[in-house]
Amino acid sequence: MRHPLWRILLLFLLVQSPVLAAEGLAIQKSLIRVTTTAQDANYRVPWEPGSIEEGVGAGFVISGSRILTNAHVVSNARFLSVEREDDPKKYIATVEFIAHDCDLAILKVSDPDFFKGTVPLTIGDIPALESGVSVYGYPIGGERLSVTKGVVSRIDFQTYTHSGVDAHLTIQIDAAINPGNSGGPVMQDGNVVGVAFQGYSGDVAQNVGYMIPTPVIKRFLKDIEGGHYGGYMDLSVNWFNLQNPAERRALGLPDDGTGVLVSSVASAGSSAGVLKQGDVLLAIDGHTIFEDAFVELNGSRIQMSEIVERKFKGDEVKLAILRDKQKMDVTVKLAEAWPFSMQANAYDKKPRYVLFGGLLFQPLSRNFLEANQVDDLRVRFFYDFFISDELYREHPDVIVLGAILPDAINTYLMPFRNGIVDEVNGVKMRTLNDLAAAFAKPADYYVIQLIGEGRPIVLERKAVDAARERIETRYNVLKEQNLNDDGS
C-alpha cells in the first residue's frame, strides 16, 4: 500500500506538470537566437577595417516588441539576424540601444510578423540564495535551444568583463555560462531574474556562471525611456574603511561602527567642489554608512555604491558627512566622469589618429594598448595612473607615437616609438586635435618634443610633403587622420 504522502506528491506533480509545461512553452516562444556579423576596429592600422567575425548569442522578447540581449553579443555589429525557436525564417534586426557599461542592449525588428505568437517575458526580482534557476540559450555544441539548471550561490559586486572597468551587482550560479548562452534569460517561477552574460574558462572554474540581475536590467530599461542611454553615474571618490579604533578617535568619531574616510576626490567627477579629502561619509540618502562601506536597504546589506548605481545623470545624492569634526549635509549632483572611459574597452567606434611624415600618432586607450601589446614603462605609467594621479588635467589625450611607417625621412626615428608627445614647436599638445592643428599650421620645420626625451624629433615640411604620396601608396593609407570616433 502506498504511503499517503506519495499520493500527495503525485497529485502535486500532476497539477504542476501542465503549469511547468505551459511556462516552458511561453519561454520558448520568447527566446531568440541572435547571429551577429561583427567587424572590430583596427588599432594597429587604424585606416583599415578590422577582421570580420560571426558569433551566436541569445535574447528574449520583452514588452514593447523589443528584444533584450547582451551588449557584447551585438557590439561592432555590421549585420544582425534573429530567429525564433521552431521558425526557420531569419529576420533582420538592428541595435536600438546599447549599454557597454552594463553589457545590455535592445534590438528591434521592423518586420511585424516576427513578434506574432511571441510572449513578452516579465522581469522579476532578485532570487534568493540557494534558490534554483534555469538558464536558456544556444551554447556551443548544438543548434537548438538548451536549458541548464543552477542554484544561486553568490550575490556580489563584480567587474563586467565587457567594459573591463565597470563593476555592478552580479549573481553567481553553479551552471556554466558558455558562448551562445550570452543574452539568454535566467528564469525562476516564470519570471526573468537575470540575463546570462559571463563565466570562467574550464581551467579556472567549472560550472560557474554569472548573470546580470534585475536591478541592473530595470535601471537600463528606465534609462532608455527618454530615447537615449545616459549611462551609469559615479561619485568619483575613493574611500578607506574606518575599522581602526585609533584612526576613529583621531577623526573624532565614536566607536559605533559607522563612516568611511574620503581618500581622494576626482577633479573631473561629480563630487568635485563638494567633497574633500579627509571628509568622513556618515550617511547616503538617509541610509547609515557602516565602517565597511555597506548600507542597509530593504533588509539587506549592500555596498554604498549601489545607492548611486540606481540613479541617473542629473539626479542628486544627499550625504551626511563629518568635516573637521563638524557634522554637515551636502548634495552631489551626478554627472559623467569622462576620464574613466580611457581605461574601458571601446566598441562601435573608429580609432582616432594622425599620420604625419610616416609617424602614426594615437591617443592612449585600452584598445590601443592591447592591440599593440605596449610594454613601455612610461606609457604604462600614463595608463595606470591616468585617473588616480589626474594626469588627464594636462593630457586629456595622452598622444603616443604608436608606429612608424619606414621611409627615407624617418628611418632614424625608430627609437622614438611609443614616445608621448609633449610639445610641437613650443606649444603644449593636450589633445589629438591640437596635434592635427599644429601640423596644419605652416612652418619650415616641426620640432616634436616627447616627454622624458632630451632630443626632439625634427621634420622638415618640404620633405614631409614630398613623401606624402609615396608613403600613402606604399602602405595603402586611405586617410591621413581621423579626429572623431564616428569617423567624421
Protein backbone atom coordinates (compact mmCIF):
# COMPACT_ATOMS: atom_id res chain seq x y z
CA MET A 1 0.00 0.00 0.00
CA ARG A 2 1.37 3.39 -0.97
CA HIS A 3 2.04 5.97 1.70
CA PRO A 4 -0.45 8.91 1.74
CA LEU A 5 2.49 11.33 1.25
CA TRP A 6 3.23 9.62 -2.06
CA ARG A 7 -0.32 10.32 -3.21
CA ILE A 8 0.01 13.95 -2.22
CA LEU A 9 3.31 14.25 -4.12
CA LEU A 10 1.86 12.53 -7.18
CA LEU A 11 -1.16 14.84 -7.13
CA PHE A 12 1.14 17.85 -6.84
CA LEU A 13 3.17 16.72 -9.85
CA LEU A 14 0.06 16.09 -11.92
CA VAL A 15 -1.21 19.57 -11.12
CA GLN A 16 2.17 21.24 -11.65
CA SER A 17 3.17 19.47 -14.89
CA PRO A 18 0.77 21.38 -17.16
CA VAL A 19 1.82 24.62 -15.44
CA LEU A 20 5.50 23.90 -15.92
CA ALA A 21 4.93 22.78 -19.50
CA ALA A 22 2.97 25.95 -20.30
CA GLU A 23 5.67 28.02 -18.62
CA GLY A 24 8.38 26.35 -20.68
CA LEU A 25 6.38 26.83 -23.87
CA ALA A 26 5.98 30.54 -23.16
CA ILE A 27 9.72 30.89 -22.64
CA GLN A 28 10.44 29.03 -25.87
CA LYS A 29 8.12 31.40 -27.73
CA SER A 30 10.05 34.33 -26.28
CA LEU A 31 13.59 33.03 -26.77
CA ILE A 32 15.57 34.47 -29.69
CA ARG A 33 18.72 33.22 -31.40
CA VAL A 34 20.91 36.18 -32.42
CA THR A 35 23.52 35.84 -35.18
CA THR A 36 25.99 38.71 -35.41
CA THR A 37 28.40 39.61 -38.17
CA ALA A 38 30.84 41.96 -36.47
CA GLN A 39 33.88 43.93 -37.56
CA ASP A 40 36.27 45.10 -34.87
CA ALA A 41 38.22 48.31 -35.21
CA ASN A 42 41.89 48.03 -36.23
CA TYR A 43 44.03 49.90 -33.72
CA ARG A 44 47.30 48.77 -35.31
CA VAL A 45 46.45 50.06 -38.79
CA PRO A 46 43.61 52.47 -37.96
CA TRP A 47 42.71 53.50 -41.53
CA GLU A 48 41.94 49.88 -42.37
CA PRO A 49 38.88 47.93 -41.19
CA GLY A 50 39.38 45.05 -38.80
CA SER A 51 38.61 41.38 -39.31
CA ILE A 52 35.05 40.17 -39.81
CA GLU A 53 33.73 37.53 -37.45
CA GLU A 54 30.42 35.79 -36.89
CA GLY A 55 29.01 34.87 -33.50
CA VAL A 56 25.85 33.48 -31.97
CA GLY A 57 24.09 34.60 -28.82
CA ALA A 58 20.64 34.66 -27.32
CA GLY A 59 18.00 37.20 -26.47
CA PHE A 60 14.38 37.28 -25.41
CA VAL A 61 11.24 39.27 -26.10
CA ILE A 62 10.14 41.88 -23.57
CA SER A 63 7.29 44.39 -23.58
CA GLY A 64 7.01 46.84 -26.44
CA SER A 65 8.03 44.34 -29.16
CA ARG A 66 11.66 44.57 -28.13
CA ILE A 67 14.47 42.04 -27.77
CA LEU A 68 16.78 42.23 -24.75
CA THR A 69 20.27 40.78 -25.08
CA ASN A 70 23.88 41.43 -24.04
CA ALA A 71 25.84 44.34 -25.48
CA HIS A 72 28.78 42.04 -26.17
CA VAL A 73 26.57 39.85 -28.37
CA VAL A 74 25.95 42.73 -30.80
CA SER A 75 28.96 45.04 -30.33
CA ASN A 76 30.67 46.23 -33.52
CA ALA A 77 27.83 44.61 -35.47
CA ARG A 78 27.65 45.15 -39.20
CA PHE A 79 24.68 42.82 -39.73
CA LEU A 80 22.25 41.13 -37.35
CA SER A 81 19.73 38.38 -37.91
CA VAL A 82 17.37 36.86 -35.37
CA GLU A 83 15.40 33.61 -35.31
CA ARG A 84 12.66 32.26 -33.13
CA GLU A 85 12.62 28.72 -31.84
CA ASP A 86 10.95 26.36 -34.35
CA ASP A 87 10.78 29.07 -37.02
CA PRO A 88 13.34 28.65 -39.83
CA LYS A 89 12.97 32.19 -41.14
CA LYS A 90 15.74 34.69 -40.40
CA TYR A 91 14.68 38.25 -39.67
CA ILE A 92 16.89 41.32 -39.95
CA ALA A 93 17.43 43.20 -36.69
CA THR A 94 19.14 46.43 -35.67
CA VAL A 95 20.53 47.74 -32.39
CA GLU A 96 18.20 50.34 -30.90
CA PHE A 97 20.02 50.94 -27.59
CA ILE A 98 23.31 49.61 -26.28
CA ALA A 99 24.92 49.99 -22.86
CA HIS A 100 28.54 48.88 -22.85
CA ASP A 101 28.97 49.77 -19.17
CA CYS A 102 26.38 47.20 -18.04
CA ASP A 103 26.53 44.84 -21.05
CA LEU A 104 22.89 45.14 -22.15
CA ALA A 105 21.27 46.03 -25.47
CA ILE A 106 17.85 46.36 -27.08
CA LEU A 107 17.26 45.07 -30.60
CA LYS A 108 14.37 45.96 -32.87
CA VAL A 109 12.91 44.07 -35.81
CA SER A 110 10.99 46.10 -38.38
CA ASP A 111 9.02 43.13 -39.73
CA PRO A 112 5.82 43.00 -37.61
CA ASP A 113 5.36 39.31 -38.38
CA PHE A 114 8.38 38.48 -36.24
CA PHE A 115 6.55 39.13 -32.96
CA LYS A 116 3.37 37.22 -33.84
CA GLY A 117 2.91 34.42 -31.34
CA THR A 118 5.70 35.62 -29.05
CA VAL A 119 5.08 36.11 -25.34
CA PRO A 120 6.92 39.03 -23.69
CA LEU A 121 8.71 37.87 -20.56
CA THR A 122 8.23 39.64 -17.25
CA ILE A 123 11.18 41.00 -15.30
CA GLY A 124 11.10 39.70 -11.72
CA ASP A 125 13.12 40.34 -8.59
CA ILE A 126 16.47 39.21 -7.20
CA PRO A 127 16.34 35.46 -6.49
CA ALA A 128 17.22 34.20 -3.02
CA LEU A 129 20.49 32.48 -2.24
CA GLU A 130 20.35 28.72 -2.77
CA SER A 131 17.22 29.03 -4.91
CA GLY A 132 17.06 27.24 -8.26
CA VAL A 133 17.12 28.95 -11.67
CA SER A 134 17.02 27.85 -15.32
CA VAL A 135 19.34 29.25 -18.00
CA TYR A 136 18.09 29.36 -21.60
CA GLY A 137 20.25 29.93 -24.66
CA TYR A 138 22.14 28.48 -27.62
CA PRO A 139 25.54 27.42 -26.23
CA ILE A 140 28.25 25.71 -28.25
CA GLY A 141 27.66 22.05 -29.01
CA GLY A 142 24.37 22.28 -30.89
CA GLU A 143 21.94 24.40 -32.87
CA ARG A 144 18.78 24.00 -30.80
CA LEU A 145 17.61 25.53 -27.56
CA SER A 146 19.50 24.49 -24.43
CA VAL A 147 18.21 24.62 -20.85
CA THR A 148 20.51 24.19 -17.85
CA LYS A 149 19.65 24.25 -14.17
CA GLY A 150 21.61 26.02 -11.47
CA VAL A 151 21.48 27.35 -7.94
CA VAL A 152 22.12 30.93 -6.86
CA SER A 153 25.40 30.75 -4.94
CA ARG A 154 26.51 34.40 -4.54
CA ILE A 155 25.16 37.94 -4.89
CA ASP A 156 28.00 40.45 -5.09
CA PHE A 157 29.61 43.34 -6.95
CA GLN A 158 31.83 42.15 -9.82
CA THR A 159 33.64 43.79 -12.73
CA TYR A 160 31.79 43.30 -16.01
CA THR A 161 34.33 41.93 -18.49
CA HIS A 162 32.71 43.63 -21.49
CA SER A 163 33.84 47.11 -20.42
CA GLY A 164 36.67 45.84 -18.25
CA VAL A 165 36.27 48.63 -15.68
CA ASP A 166 32.62 48.89 -14.64
CA ALA A 167 31.53 46.94 -11.56
CA HIS A 168 27.86 46.30 -10.85
CA LEU A 169 25.66 43.93 -8.92
CA THR A 170 26.16 40.38 -10.19
CA ILE A 171 24.65 37.00 -9.34
CA GLN A 172 26.73 33.84 -9.46
CA ILE A 173 25.12 30.49 -10.24
CA ASP A 174 26.54 26.98 -10.33
CA ALA A 175 25.70 26.49 -14.00
CA ALA A 176 28.27 27.11 -16.72
CA ILE A 177 27.69 30.11 -18.99
CA ASN A 178 29.19 29.23 -22.37
CA PRO A 179 29.44 31.14 -25.67
CA GLY A 180 25.92 31.21 -27.09
CA ASN A 181 24.27 31.42 -23.66
CA SER A 182 25.05 35.14 -23.53
CA GLY A 183 21.92 37.27 -23.62
CA GLY A 184 19.60 34.42 -22.73
CA PRO A 185 17.10 34.72 -19.88
CA VAL A 186 17.67 33.17 -16.48
CA MET A 187 14.24 32.13 -15.21
CA GLN A 188 12.59 31.41 -11.90
CA ASP A 189 8.88 30.82 -11.39
CA GLY A 190 8.07 32.11 -14.86
CA ASN A 191 9.88 35.44 -14.42
CA VAL A 192 13.23 36.70 -15.67
CA VAL A 193 15.61 37.01 -12.74
CA GLY A 194 18.72 37.71 -14.80
CA VAL A 195 20.49 37.76 -18.15
CA ALA A 196 23.31 35.26 -18.67
CA PHE A 197 26.47 37.14 -19.58
CA GLN A 198 29.84 35.77 -18.48
CA GLY A 199 31.62 32.82 -16.95
CA TYR A 200 35.01 31.29 -16.30
CA SER A 201 37.01 29.11 -18.65
CA GLY A 202 37.19 25.47 -17.61
CA ASP A 203 40.78 25.75 -16.40
CA VAL A 204 39.81 28.48 -13.91
CA ALA A 205 36.49 27.25 -12.52
CA GLN A 206 33.94 24.73 -13.69
CA ASN A 207 30.17 25.08 -13.54
CA VAL A 208 30.35 28.72 -12.50
CA GLY A 209 28.45 31.38 -14.39
CA TYR A 210 27.20 34.90 -13.84
CA MET A 211 24.01 36.71 -14.68
CA ILE A 212 23.06 40.38 -14.76
CA PRO A 213 20.42 40.78 -12.04
CA THR A 214 17.11 42.54 -12.42
CA PRO A 215 18.03 45.84 -10.66
CA VAL A 216 20.63 46.41 -13.40
CA ILE A 217 18.16 45.36 -16.11
CA LYS A 218 15.40 47.61 -14.77
CA ARG A 219 17.77 50.56 -14.48
CA PHE A 220 18.82 50.10 -18.12
CA LEU A 221 15.19 49.94 -19.30
CA LYS A 222 14.34 53.04 -17.24
CA ASP A 223 17.36 54.92 -18.61
CA ILE A 224 16.33 54.43 -22.25
CA GLU A 225 12.75 55.60 -21.75
CA GLY A 226 13.78 59.09 -22.83
CA GLY A 227 15.06 57.86 -26.20
CA HIS A 228 18.77 57.55 -25.41
CA TYR A 229 21.05 55.80 -22.93
CA GLY A 230 22.75 58.09 -20.43
CA GLY A 231 24.94 55.56 -18.66
CA TYR A 232 25.97 54.92 -15.09
CA MET A 233 26.97 57.76 -12.82
CA ASP A 234 29.51 57.73 -10.01
CA LEU A 235 30.51 59.83 -7.02
CA SER A 236 34.10 59.66 -8.33
CA VAL A 237 35.65 59.42 -4.89
CA ASN A 238 37.83 56.83 -3.20
CA TRP A 239 37.50 55.96 0.46
CA PHE A 240 39.05 53.92 3.26
CA ASN A 241 37.19 51.70 5.69
CA LEU A 242 37.33 53.03 9.25
CA GLN A 243 37.79 49.87 11.28
CA ASN A 244 40.88 51.13 13.12
CA PRO A 245 39.85 52.41 16.62
CA ALA A 246 42.83 54.78 16.87
CA GLU A 247 42.02 56.32 13.49
CA ARG A 248 38.39 56.77 14.50
CA ARG A 249 39.38 58.57 17.71
CA ALA A 250 41.75 60.84 15.78
CA LEU A 251 38.90 61.83 13.46
CA GLY A 252 36.53 62.47 16.35
CA LEU A 253 34.29 59.51 15.58
CA PRO A 254 32.55 57.43 18.24
CA ASP A 255 33.12 53.68 18.29
CA ASP A 256 29.74 52.97 16.69
CA GLY A 257 30.87 51.15 13.52
CA THR A 258 29.83 53.86 11.05
CA GLY A 259 31.56 56.07 8.49
CA VAL A 260 34.21 55.81 5.76
CA LEU A 261 37.07 58.23 5.09
CA VAL A 262 37.35 60.01 1.73
CA SER A 263 40.89 59.49 0.43
CA SER A 264 40.58 61.31 -2.90
CA VAL A 265 38.07 63.29 -4.97
CA ALA A 266 38.41 63.29 -8.76
CA SER A 267 38.50 66.84 -10.12
CA ALA A 268 36.59 65.67 -13.22
CA GLY A 269 33.92 63.84 -11.19
CA SER A 270 30.54 64.66 -9.69
CA SER A 271 31.84 65.32 -6.18
CA ALA A 272 34.48 67.89 -7.15
CA GLY A 273 33.94 71.09 -5.17
CA VAL A 274 31.50 69.36 -2.81
CA LEU A 275 33.52 66.68 -1.02
CA LYS A 276 37.12 66.99 0.12
CA GLN A 277 39.89 64.59 1.00
CA GLY A 278 39.57 63.84 4.74
CA ASP A 279 35.77 64.04 4.84
CA VAL A 280 34.02 61.16 6.62
CA LEU A 281 30.89 59.90 4.88
CA LEU A 282 28.26 59.05 7.52
CA ALA A 283 25.05 58.53 5.54
CA ILE A 284 23.85 58.47 1.94
CA ASP A 285 20.26 59.38 1.09
CA GLY A 286 19.35 58.76 4.73
CA HIS A 287 21.00 55.32 4.91
CA THR A 288 23.72 54.94 7.54
CA ILE A 289 27.10 54.08 6.02
CA PHE A 290 28.85 51.41 8.06
CA GLU A 291 32.61 51.35 8.54
CA ASP A 292 33.00 48.72 5.79
CA ALA A 293 31.21 50.97 3.22
CA PHE A 294 27.99 48.93 3.30
CA VAL A 295 24.48 50.24 3.95
CA GLU A 296 21.24 48.54 4.82
CA LEU A 297 18.48 48.70 2.20
CA ASN A 298 15.19 46.82 2.30
CA GLY A 299 16.53 44.49 4.95
CA SER A 300 19.72 43.60 3.07
CA ARG A 301 23.29 44.83 3.39
CA ILE A 302 24.55 46.25 0.10
CA GLN A 303 27.59 48.23 -0.96
CA MET A 304 27.23 52.00 -0.66
CA SER A 305 27.93 52.31 -4.40
CA GLU A 306 24.65 50.59 -5.22
CA ILE A 307 22.67 53.58 -3.91
CA VAL A 308 24.34 55.72 -6.57
CA GLU A 309 24.08 52.96 -9.20
CA ARG A 310 20.31 53.21 -9.19
CA LYS A 311 20.36 56.90 -10.04
CA PHE A 312 20.72 58.74 -13.34
CA LYS A 313 22.55 61.70 -14.80
CA GLY A 314 21.36 64.90 -13.12
CA ASP A 315 19.99 63.12 -10.04
CA GLU A 316 21.12 64.26 -6.60
CA VAL A 317 22.78 62.29 -3.82
CA LYS A 318 22.39 63.61 -0.28
CA LEU A 319 25.31 62.89 2.04
CA ALA A 320 25.77 63.41 5.75
CA ILE A 321 29.47 63.99 6.41
CA LEU A 322 31.92 64.85 9.14
CA ARG A 323 34.42 67.58 8.15
CA ASP A 324 36.97 68.87 10.61
CA LYS A 325 34.97 67.10 13.35
CA GLN A 326 31.83 69.06 12.38
CA LYS A 327 28.73 67.34 11.01
CA MET A 328 27.10 68.79 7.89
CA ASP A 329 24.89 67.81 4.98
CA VAL A 330 25.95 68.18 1.34
CA THR A 331 24.36 67.37 -2.01
CA VAL A 332 26.16 65.92 -5.04
CA LYS A 333 24.61 66.29 -8.50
CA LEU A 334 25.58 63.30 -10.63
CA ALA A 335 27.41 63.89 -13.91
CA GLU A 336 29.62 61.92 -16.28
CA ALA A 337 33.25 61.39 -15.33
CA TRP A 338 34.83 61.32 -18.79
CA PRO A 339 38.41 60.28 -17.84
CA PHE A 340 37.25 56.81 -16.78
CA SER A 341 36.39 55.91 -20.38
CA MET A 342 40.08 55.80 -21.34
CA GLN A 343 40.60 52.58 -19.39
CA ALA A 344 37.42 50.93 -20.66
CA ASN A 345 37.06 48.72 -23.71
CA ALA A 346 35.64 50.77 -26.59
CA TYR A 347 33.13 49.41 -29.11
CA ASP A 348 31.28 50.73 -32.12
CA LYS A 349 33.89 53.45 -32.55
CA LYS A 350 36.58 54.20 -35.11
CA PRO A 351 40.19 54.69 -33.91
CA ARG A 352 41.39 58.28 -33.77
CA TYR A 353 44.81 59.02 -35.24
CA VAL A 354 47.05 61.48 -37.06
CA LEU A 355 49.64 60.36 -39.64
CA PHE A 356 52.39 62.86 -40.44
CA GLY A 357 55.64 62.09 -42.20
CA GLY A 358 55.01 58.39 -41.73
CA LEU A 359 54.68 58.87 -37.96
CA LEU A 360 51.42 57.47 -36.59
CA PHE A 361 50.14 59.30 -33.50
CA GLN A 362 47.25 57.83 -31.50
CA PRO A 363 45.61 58.66 -28.16
CA LEU A 364 46.31 56.18 -25.40
CA SER A 365 43.42 53.84 -24.65
CA ARG A 366 42.75 50.31 -23.50
CA ASN A 367 42.10 49.25 -27.11
CA PHE A 368 45.35 50.80 -28.34
CA LEU A 369 47.36 49.24 -25.52
CA GLU A 370 46.01 45.74 -26.09
CA ALA A 371 46.21 45.85 -29.88
CA ASN A 372 49.85 46.96 -29.86
CA GLN A 373 50.95 44.96 -26.81
CA VAL A 374 52.78 48.01 -25.46
CA ASP A 375 55.15 47.28 -22.58
CA ASP A 376 56.90 50.68 -22.46
CA LEU A 377 57.06 51.69 -18.79
CA ARG A 378 56.29 55.36 -19.43
CA VAL A 379 53.19 54.53 -21.47
CA ARG A 380 52.07 52.02 -18.84
CA PHE A 381 52.50 54.69 -16.15
CA PHE A 382 50.30 57.17 -18.01
CA TYR A 383 47.68 54.48 -18.50
CA ASP A 384 47.70 53.09 -14.95
CA PHE A 385 47.77 56.47 -13.19
CA PHE A 386 45.71 58.49 -15.67
CA ILE A 387 42.84 58.73 -13.18
CA SER A 388 44.41 58.34 -9.74
CA ASP A 389 47.14 60.94 -10.40
CA GLU A 390 44.78 63.06 -12.51
CA LEU A 391 47.15 63.05 -15.47
CA TYR A 392 44.12 63.97 -17.58
CA ARG A 393 44.32 67.55 -16.31
CA GLU A 394 47.37 68.26 -18.50
CA HIS A 395 46.85 65.44 -21.03
CA PRO A 396 43.15 64.86 -21.81
CA ASP A 397 44.60 62.81 -24.69
CA VAL A 398 47.86 61.03 -23.99
CA ILE A 399 49.27 61.17 -27.54
CA VAL A 400 51.53 58.22 -28.31
CA LEU A 401 53.80 57.73 -31.32
CA GLY A 402 52.34 54.30 -31.86
CA ALA A 403 54.03 53.27 -35.10
CA ILE A 404 56.42 54.47 -37.78
CA LEU A 405 55.89 53.67 -41.45
CA PRO A 406 59.52 53.41 -42.61
CA ASP A 407 60.59 55.92 -45.25
CA ALA A 408 63.76 57.82 -46.05
CA ILE A 409 62.57 60.81 -44.00
CA ASN A 410 62.01 58.86 -40.77
CA THR A 411 64.22 55.77 -40.66
CA TYR A 412 66.38 57.23 -37.89
CA LEU A 413 63.31 57.80 -35.68
CA MET A 414 62.61 54.19 -34.65
CA PRO A 415 63.99 54.69 -31.09
CA PHE A 416 61.23 57.26 -30.51
CA ARG A 417 58.43 54.71 -30.99
CA ASN A 418 55.96 54.64 -28.04
CA GLY A 419 57.07 58.13 -27.01
CA ILE A 420 54.44 60.50 -25.61
CA VAL A 421 54.07 63.90 -27.29
CA ASP A 422 54.54 66.93 -25.05
CA GLU A 423 55.06 69.89 -27.41
CA VAL A 424 55.17 70.82 -31.08
CA ASN A 425 57.14 73.96 -31.91
CA GLY A 426 57.00 75.01 -28.26
CA VAL A 427 53.22 74.63 -27.90
CA LYS A 428 51.78 72.10 -25.43
CA MET A 429 49.73 69.34 -27.03
CA ARG A 430 46.74 68.47 -24.85
CA THR A 431 44.59 66.64 -27.39
CA LEU A 432 44.90 64.89 -30.72
CA ASN A 433 43.08 67.84 -32.30
CA ASP A 434 45.84 70.12 -31.00
CA LEU A 435 48.40 67.92 -32.76
CA ALA A 436 46.47 67.96 -36.04
CA ALA A 437 46.21 71.77 -35.82
CA ALA A 438 49.95 72.08 -35.11
CA PHE A 439 50.85 70.04 -38.20
CA ALA A 440 48.39 72.04 -40.31
CA LYS A 441 50.00 75.31 -39.27
CA PRO A 442 52.60 76.48 -41.86
CA ALA A 443 56.20 76.09 -40.70
CA ASP A 444 59.53 75.18 -42.25
CA TYR A 445 60.28 72.65 -39.51
CA TYR A 446 58.22 70.80 -36.91
CA VAL A 447 60.03 70.18 -33.64
CA ILE A 448 58.22 67.43 -31.70
CA GLN A 449 59.26 67.15 -28.06
CA LEU A 450 58.45 63.89 -26.30
CA ILE A 451 58.03 63.54 -22.55
CA GLY A 452 61.27 62.41 -20.90
CA GLU A 453 63.30 62.70 -24.12
CA GLY A 454 66.07 65.29 -24.34
CA ARG A 455 66.44 65.04 -28.13
CA PRO A 456 63.37 66.10 -30.13
CA ILE A 457 62.00 64.77 -33.39
CA VAL A 458 62.51 67.28 -36.22
CA LEU A 459 60.63 67.03 -39.51
CA GLU A 460 61.07 69.35 -42.48
CA ARG A 461 57.81 70.44 -44.07
CA LYS A 462 59.11 70.17 -47.67
CA ALA A 463 60.33 66.61 -47.02
CA VAL A 464 57.00 65.60 -45.46
CA ASP A 465 55.03 66.99 -48.39
CA ALA A 466 57.32 65.25 -50.90
CA ALA A 467 57.00 61.92 -49.09
CA ARG A 468 53.24 62.03 -48.54
CA GLU A 469 52.10 60.33 -51.75
CA ARG A 470 54.99 57.89 -51.60
CA ILE A 471 54.14 56.78 -48.07
CA GLU A 472 50.38 56.61 -48.69
CA THR A 473 50.85 54.49 -51.79
CA ARG A 474 53.43 52.17 -50.23
CA TYR A 475 51.31 51.47 -47.13
CA ASN A 476 47.86 51.80 -48.70
CA VAL A 477 46.92 54.68 -46.42
CA LEU A 478 43.32 55.60 -47.14
CA LYS A 479 43.10 58.64 -44.87
CA GLU A 480 45.77 60.71 -43.13
CA GLN A 481 43.81 61.41 -40.00
CA ASN A 482 40.64 60.68 -38.11
CA LEU A 483 39.86 63.02 -35.23
CA ASN A 484 36.41 61.77 -34.28
CA ASP A 485 35.47 58.28 -33.15
CA ASP A 486 32.49 58.29 -35.52
CA GLY A 487 34.86 58.60 -38.48
CA SER A 488 33.84 62.15 -39.40
